[in-house]
């Protein structure tokens, strides 16, 4: 992989991750207060601050833009390709979050709304990251 492409993936991934972080926080507070209350009540340890979650979300954004860049040669630089990458991101994130149900940290009913709203966040974030990547990763033609 060219260095320029890697820099573009990381830069665009940071943007996608930051959008994911902001949308997730906004949507959770707006639509999933019961989820946040359940998480807060079940935590036996002190909570991490927002900077840690921002870092995790940025890392996920970089991964999502990398995935988009990896599947673009086969499927083309299109909105559909970004949607596939966004849904893949959401599935991985959702499966990871579902483990907390299996461990008994959260009741099953409180995870449905955050999963639905996080799909919106993942789609919007990857569309922004992919759009930016497509505009910055200009490959020479011919």
Protein backbone atom coordinates (compact mmCIF):
# COMPACT_ATOMS: atom_id res chain seq x y z
CA UNK A 1 0.00 0.00 0.00
CA UNK A 2 1.30 3.41 -0.85
CA UNK A 3 2.19 5.72 2.04
CA UNK A 4 -0.10 8.41 0.67
CA UNK A 5 -3.05 6.00 0.70
CA UNK A 6 -2.28 4.95 4.27
CA UNK A 7 -2.16 8.59 5.38
CA UNK A 8 -5.48 9.21 3.60
CA UNK A 9 -7.05 6.15 5.23
CA UNK A 10 -5.96 7.30 8.68
CA UNK A 11 -6.98 10.92 8.12
CA UNK A 12 -10.36 10.05 6.67
CA UNK A 13 -10.83 7.39 9.34
CA UNK A 14 -10.24 9.98 12.05
CA UNK A 15 -13.01 12.08 10.51
CA UNK A 16 -15.35 9.07 10.28
CA UNK A 17 -14.54 8.04 13.87
CA UNK A 18 -15.13 11.55 15.21
CA UNK A 19 -18.48 11.70 13.41
CA UNK A 20 -19.35 8.26 14.82
CA UNK A 21 -18.41 9.41 18.34
CA UNK A 22 -20.47 12.61 18.16
CA UNK A 23 -23.51 10.95 16.55
CA UNK A 24 -23.40 8.03 18.97
CA UNK A 25 -23.30 10.32 21.99
CA UNK A 26 -26.11 12.49 20.63
CA UNK A 27 -28.33 9.58 19.58
CA UNK A 28 -27.79 7.64 22.82
CA UNK A 29 -28.73 10.63 24.96
CA UNK A 30 -31.71 11.42 22.73
CA UNK A 31 -33.15 7.92 22.21
CA UNK A 32 -31.53 5.43 24.60
CA UNK A 33 -31.52 6.95 28.06
CA UNK A 34 -32.60 3.59 29.56
CA UNK A 35 -29.53 1.96 28.00
CA UNK A 36 -27.22 4.61 29.47
CA UNK A 37 -28.89 4.23 32.88
CA UNK A 38 -28.51 0.42 32.74
CA UNK A 39 -24.85 0.70 31.79
CA UNK A 40 -24.19 3.17 34.57
CA UNK A 41 -26.00 1.04 37.16
CA UNK A 42 -24.26 -2.21 36.18
CA UNK A 43 -20.69 -0.94 36.15
CA UNK A 44 -18.74 -2.21 39.17
CA UNK A 45 -15.72 -0.08 38.25
CA UNK A 46 -15.21 3.65 37.67
CA UNK A 47 -16.21 4.87 34.21
CA UNK A 48 -13.67 5.96 31.65
CA UNK A 49 -13.73 9.50 30.40
CA UNK A 50 -14.89 10.58 26.95
CA UNK A 51 -11.36 10.81 25.54
CA UNK A 52 -10.96 7.03 25.81
CA UNK A 53 -14.20 6.45 23.91
CA UNK A 54 -13.20 9.02 21.32
CA UNK A 55 -9.94 7.15 20.79
CA UNK A 56 -11.76 3.83 20.42
CA UNK A 57 -14.28 5.33 18.01
CA UNK A 58 -11.52 6.94 15.94
CA UNK A 59 -9.75 3.57 15.72
CA UNK A 60 -13.03 2.03 14.51
CA UNK A 61 -13.40 4.84 11.96
CA UNK A 62 -9.91 4.15 10.62
CA UNK A 63 -10.78 0.46 10.32
CA UNK A 64 -14.03 1.27 8.50
CA UNK A 65 -12.31 3.56 5.98
CA UNK A 66 -9.60 0.94 5.50
CA UNK A 67 -12.34 -1.62 4.79
CA UNK A 68 -13.96 0.76 2.32
CA UNK A 69 -10.61 1.32 0.58
CA UNK A 70 -10.00 -2.44 0.46
CA UNK A 71 -13.34 -3.31 -1.16
CA UNK A 72 -13.48 -0.31 -3.50
CA UNK A 73 -11.28 -1.88 -6.23
CA UNK A 74 -13.75 -4.76 -6.52
CA UNK A 75 -17.05 -2.92 -6.05
CA UNK A 76 -16.18 0.61 -7.17
CA UNK A 77 -16.09 3.93 -5.35
CA UNK A 78 -19.85 4.21 -4.91
CA UNK A 79 -22.33 4.94 -2.17
CA UNK A 80 -23.31 1.26 -2.16
CA UNK A 81 -19.74 0.28 -1.36
CA UNK A 82 -19.66 2.73 1.53
CA UNK A 83 -22.97 1.33 2.77
CA UNK A 84 -21.53 -2.21 2.71
CA UNK A 85 -18.53 -1.02 4.73
CA UNK A 86 -20.81 0.84 7.15
CA UNK A 87 -23.05 -2.17 7.69
CA UNK A 88 -19.99 -4.39 8.22
CA UNK A 89 -18.73 -1.87 10.80
CA UNK A 90 -22.13 -1.87 12.50
CA UNK A 91 -22.29 -5.68 12.59
CA UNK A 92 -18.85 -5.96 14.21
CA UNK A 93 -19.71 -3.24 16.72
CA UNK A 94 -23.11 -4.79 17.42
CA UNK A 95 -21.72 -8.26 17.96
CA UNK A 96 -19.11 -6.86 20.32
CA UNK A 97 -21.77 -4.97 22.27
CA UNK A 98 -24.00 -8.05 22.41
CA UNK A 99 -21.39 -9.84 24.51
CA UNK A 100 -22.42 -7.64 27.44
CA UNK A 101 -25.87 -9.23 27.28
CA UNK A 102 -24.37 -12.70 27.42
CA UNK A 103 -22.23 -11.73 30.39
CA UNK A 104 -25.31 -10.51 32.22
CA UNK A 105 -24.24 -6.87 32.48
CA UNK A 106 -27.33 -5.53 30.71
CA UNK A 107 -30.93 -6.61 30.20
CA UNK A 108 -31.70 -7.58 26.60
CA UNK A 109 -34.38 -4.96 26.05
CA UNK A 110 -32.09 -1.97 26.52
CA UNK A 111 -29.76 -2.86 23.66
CA UNK A 112 -32.25 -2.73 20.78
CA UNK A 113 -32.57 1.06 20.49
CA UNK A 114 -28.79 1.68 20.71
CA UNK A 115 -28.23 -0.94 18.01
CA UNK A 116 -30.75 0.73 15.72
CA UNK A 117 -29.41 4.23 16.32
CA UNK A 118 -25.81 3.08 15.94
CA UNK A 119 -26.64 1.82 12.45
CA UNK A 120 -27.57 5.39 11.53
CA UNK A 121 -24.33 6.66 13.06
CA UNK A 122 -22.19 4.06 11.28
CA UNK A 123 -23.79 4.80 7.91
CA UNK A 124 -23.45 8.57 8.20
CA UNK A 125 -19.87 8.31 9.48
CA UNK A 126 -18.65 5.94 6.75
CA UNK A 127 -20.41 7.92 4.03
CA UNK A 128 -18.49 11.00 5.20
CA UNK A 129 -15.21 9.11 5.53
CA UNK A 130 -15.61 7.40 2.14
CA UNK A 131 -16.57 10.65 0.43
CA UNK A 132 -13.49 12.34 1.86
CA UNK A 133 -11.28 9.36 0.99
CA UNK A 134 -12.50 9.34 -2.60
CA UNK A 135 -11.64 13.03 -2.94
CA UNK A 136 -8.18 12.77 -1.36
CA UNK A 137 -6.94 9.44 -2.70
CA UNK A 138 -6.45 10.33 -6.33
CA UNK A 139 -4.65 7.55 -8.12
CA UNK A 140 -2.76 8.40 -11.29
CA UNK A 141 -4.58 7.29 -14.43
CA UNK A 142 -3.08 5.62 -17.46
